[in-house]
């Protein structure tokens, strides 16, 4: 599974919108949208940790989803 799909899955699981994630990160909704759509394949390592932190999940959760099928 690619990062964007994993991010969308976690956002759904937590009932957090892309706009809300962008607000929590103090970044643009366009950036989050590009991550979710796969236009940006993966965030930088620091952004990946920031995303996980603001969502209250571990980076390992993203890695687990990315290694899974689907």
N, C-alpha and C. Protein backbone atom coordinates (compact mmCIF):
# COMPACT_ATOMS: atom_id res chain seq x y z
N UNK A 1 0.85 -1.17 0.00
CA UNK A 1 0.00 0.00 0.00
C UNK A 1 0.89 1.24 0.00
N UNK A 2 0.52 2.22 -0.74
CA UNK A 2 1.30 3.45 -0.80
C UNK A 2 0.96 4.36 0.39
N UNK A 3 1.83 5.34 0.62
CA UNK A 3 1.66 6.23 1.77
C UNK A 3 0.31 6.95 1.74
N UNK A 4 -0.07 7.48 0.59
CA UNK A 4 -1.32 8.22 0.49
C UNK A 4 -2.52 7.39 0.89
N UNK A 5 -2.53 6.15 0.45
CA UNK A 5 -3.64 5.25 0.79
C UNK A 5 -3.63 4.95 2.29
N UNK A 6 -2.44 4.76 2.86
CA UNK A 6 -2.33 4.53 4.30
C UNK A 6 -2.82 5.75 5.08
N UNK A 7 -2.45 6.94 4.61
CA UNK A 7 -2.89 8.17 5.27
C UNK A 7 -4.41 8.30 5.19
N UNK A 8 -4.98 8.06 4.03
CA UNK A 8 -6.44 8.13 3.90
C UNK A 8 -7.13 7.14 4.83
N UNK A 9 -6.57 5.95 4.94
CA UNK A 9 -7.14 4.93 5.82
C UNK A 9 -7.12 5.39 7.28
N UNK A 10 -6.00 5.94 7.71
CA UNK A 10 -5.89 6.41 9.10
C UNK A 10 -6.81 7.60 9.34
N UNK A 11 -6.91 8.50 8.38
CA UNK A 11 -7.82 9.64 8.53
C UNK A 11 -9.26 9.17 8.68
N UNK A 12 -9.65 8.19 7.87
CA UNK A 12 -11.01 7.62 7.97
C UNK A 12 -11.22 6.98 9.33
N UNK A 13 -10.24 6.18 9.74
CA UNK A 13 -10.30 5.47 11.01
C UNK A 13 -10.49 6.45 12.18
N UNK A 14 -9.82 7.58 12.10
CA UNK A 14 -9.86 8.58 13.18
C UNK A 14 -10.95 9.63 12.97
N UNK A 15 -11.65 9.56 11.84
CA UNK A 15 -12.67 10.54 11.48
C UNK A 15 -12.11 11.96 11.47
N UNK A 16 -10.96 12.10 10.81
CA UNK A 16 -10.28 13.39 10.67
C UNK A 16 -10.25 13.73 9.18
N UNK A 17 -10.66 14.92 8.83
CA UNK A 17 -10.66 15.35 7.43
C UNK A 17 -9.25 15.80 7.02
N UNK A 18 -9.05 15.86 5.72
CA UNK A 18 -7.78 16.38 5.21
C UNK A 18 -7.59 17.82 5.67
N UNK A 19 -8.68 18.60 5.65
CA UNK A 19 -8.60 20.01 6.08
C UNK A 19 -8.21 20.11 7.54
N UNK A 20 -8.75 19.22 8.37
CA UNK A 20 -8.42 19.24 9.79
C UNK A 20 -6.96 18.86 10.01
N UNK A 21 -6.47 17.87 9.28
CA UNK A 21 -5.06 17.50 9.39
C UNK A 21 -4.18 18.69 8.99
N UNK A 22 -4.52 19.35 7.91
CA UNK A 22 -3.74 20.51 7.45
C UNK A 22 -3.74 21.60 8.53
N UNK A 23 -4.91 21.83 9.14
CA UNK A 23 -5.00 22.84 10.19
C UNK A 23 -4.10 22.49 11.37
N UNK A 24 -4.15 21.22 11.79
CA UNK A 24 -3.34 20.78 12.93
C UNK A 24 -1.84 20.89 12.63
N UNK A 25 -1.47 20.71 11.37
CA UNK A 25 -0.06 20.77 10.98
C UNK A 25 0.38 22.19 10.60
N UNK A 26 -0.59 23.08 10.53
CA UNK A 26 -0.31 24.45 10.08
C UNK A 26 0.32 24.44 8.68
N UNK A 27 -0.32 23.66 7.79
CA UNK A 27 0.12 23.55 6.40
C UNK A 27 -1.09 23.71 5.49
N UNK A 28 -0.88 23.70 4.22
CA UNK A 28 -1.99 23.89 3.28
C UNK A 28 -2.78 22.60 3.08
N UNK A 29 -4.06 22.78 2.78
CA UNK A 29 -4.89 21.62 2.45
C UNK A 29 -4.40 20.99 1.14
N UNK A 30 -3.82 21.82 0.27
CA UNK A 30 -3.29 21.29 -1.00
C UNK A 30 -2.18 20.28 -0.74
N UNK A 31 -1.30 20.57 0.22
CA UNK A 31 -0.21 19.63 0.55
C UNK A 31 -0.78 18.30 1.03
N UNK A 32 -1.74 18.36 1.95
CA UNK A 32 -2.33 17.13 2.47
C UNK A 32 -3.06 16.38 1.37
N UNK A 33 -3.77 17.11 0.53
CA UNK A 33 -4.48 16.50 -0.60
C UNK A 33 -3.51 15.79 -1.53
N UNK A 34 -2.37 16.41 -1.81
CA UNK A 34 -1.37 15.80 -2.69
C UNK A 34 -0.77 14.55 -2.06
N UNK A 35 -0.61 14.55 -0.74
CA UNK A 35 -0.15 13.33 -0.06
C UNK A 35 -1.19 12.22 -0.19
N UNK A 36 -2.44 12.57 0.08
CA UNK A 36 -3.51 11.57 0.05
C UNK A 36 -3.74 11.01 -1.35
N UNK A 37 -3.56 11.85 -2.35
CA UNK A 37 -3.81 11.41 -3.73
C UNK A 37 -2.63 10.67 -4.35
N UNK A 38 -1.46 10.77 -3.70
CA UNK A 38 -0.29 10.11 -4.24
C UNK A 38 0.54 11.00 -5.16
N UNK A 39 0.10 12.26 -5.35
CA UNK A 39 0.91 13.19 -6.16
C UNK A 39 2.26 13.42 -5.50
N UNK A 40 2.26 13.46 -4.17
CA UNK A 40 3.51 13.43 -3.40
C UNK A 40 3.59 12.01 -2.88
N UNK A 41 4.57 11.27 -3.33
CA UNK A 41 4.64 9.84 -3.01
C UNK A 41 4.80 9.57 -1.52
N UNK A 42 5.70 10.29 -0.88
CA UNK A 42 5.92 10.14 0.56
C UNK A 42 6.40 11.48 1.10
N UNK A 43 6.02 11.81 2.32
CA UNK A 43 6.54 13.04 2.92
C UNK A 43 7.99 12.84 3.36
N UNK A 44 8.64 13.95 3.68
CA UNK A 44 9.97 13.84 4.27
C UNK A 44 9.83 13.11 5.60
N UNK A 45 10.92 12.61 6.11
CA UNK A 45 10.89 11.89 7.38
C UNK A 45 10.35 12.77 8.50
N UNK A 46 10.78 14.04 8.54
CA UNK A 46 10.29 14.94 9.59
C UNK A 46 8.79 15.18 9.46
N UNK A 47 8.29 15.30 8.24
CA UNK A 47 6.84 15.48 8.02
C UNK A 47 6.08 14.21 8.39
N UNK A 48 6.65 13.05 8.09
CA UNK A 48 6.00 11.79 8.44
C UNK A 48 5.81 11.69 9.95
N UNK A 49 6.84 12.07 10.69
CA UNK A 49 6.73 12.05 12.15
C UNK A 49 5.74 13.10 12.64
N UNK A 50 5.72 14.26 12.00
CA UNK A 50 4.77 15.31 12.39
C UNK A 50 3.34 14.85 12.15
N UNK A 51 3.09 14.25 11.01
CA UNK A 51 1.74 13.75 10.69
C UNK A 51 1.31 12.72 11.71
N UNK A 52 2.18 11.76 11.99
CA UNK A 52 1.86 10.73 12.98
C UNK A 52 1.58 11.36 14.34
N UNK A 53 2.40 12.32 14.72
CA UNK A 53 2.26 12.97 16.02
C UNK A 53 0.93 13.71 16.14
N UNK A 54 0.59 14.52 15.14
CA UNK A 54 -0.66 15.28 15.25
C UNK A 54 -1.89 14.38 15.18
N UNK A 55 -1.74 13.20 14.59
CA UNK A 55 -2.85 12.25 14.55
C UNK A 55 -2.87 11.32 15.76
N UNK A 56 -1.81 11.36 16.55
CA UNK A 56 -1.75 10.51 17.74
C UNK A 56 -1.53 9.04 17.43
N UNK A 57 -0.84 8.77 16.33
CA UNK A 57 -0.51 7.39 15.97
C UNK A 57 1.00 7.29 15.80
N UNK A 58 1.50 6.09 15.75
CA UNK A 58 2.94 5.90 15.56
C UNK A 58 3.27 5.83 14.08
N UNK A 59 4.50 6.16 13.75
CA UNK A 59 4.97 5.99 12.38
C UNK A 59 4.89 4.51 12.01
N UNK A 60 5.08 3.64 12.99
CA UNK A 60 4.98 2.20 12.74
C UNK A 60 3.62 1.82 12.18
N UNK A 61 2.56 2.53 12.60
CA UNK A 61 1.21 2.25 12.09
C UNK A 61 1.18 2.48 10.58
N UNK A 62 1.81 3.56 10.13
CA UNK A 62 1.87 3.83 8.69
C UNK A 62 2.65 2.73 7.99
N UNK A 63 3.78 2.33 8.58
CA UNK A 63 4.62 1.30 7.97
C UNK A 63 3.85 -0.02 7.87
N UNK A 64 3.12 -0.37 8.92
CA UNK A 64 2.30 -1.60 8.90
C UNK A 64 1.30 -1.55 7.73
N UNK A 65 0.61 -0.43 7.60
CA UNK A 65 -0.37 -0.32 6.52
C UNK A 65 0.30 -0.35 5.16
N UNK A 66 1.43 0.30 5.04
CA UNK A 66 2.12 0.33 3.75
C UNK A 66 2.64 -1.05 3.35
N UNK A 67 2.96 -1.87 4.32
CA UNK A 67 3.43 -3.23 4.03
C UNK A 67 2.28 -4.17 3.71
N UNK A 68 1.08 -3.78 4.10
CA UNK A 68 -0.08 -4.66 3.88
C UNK A 68 -0.59 -4.54 2.44
N UNK A 69 -1.37 -5.50 2.06
CA UNK A 69 -2.03 -5.47 0.76
C UNK A 69 -3.16 -4.47 0.83
N UNK A 70 -3.64 -4.05 -0.32
CA UNK A 70 -4.83 -3.21 -0.33
C UNK A 70 -4.51 -1.88 -0.77
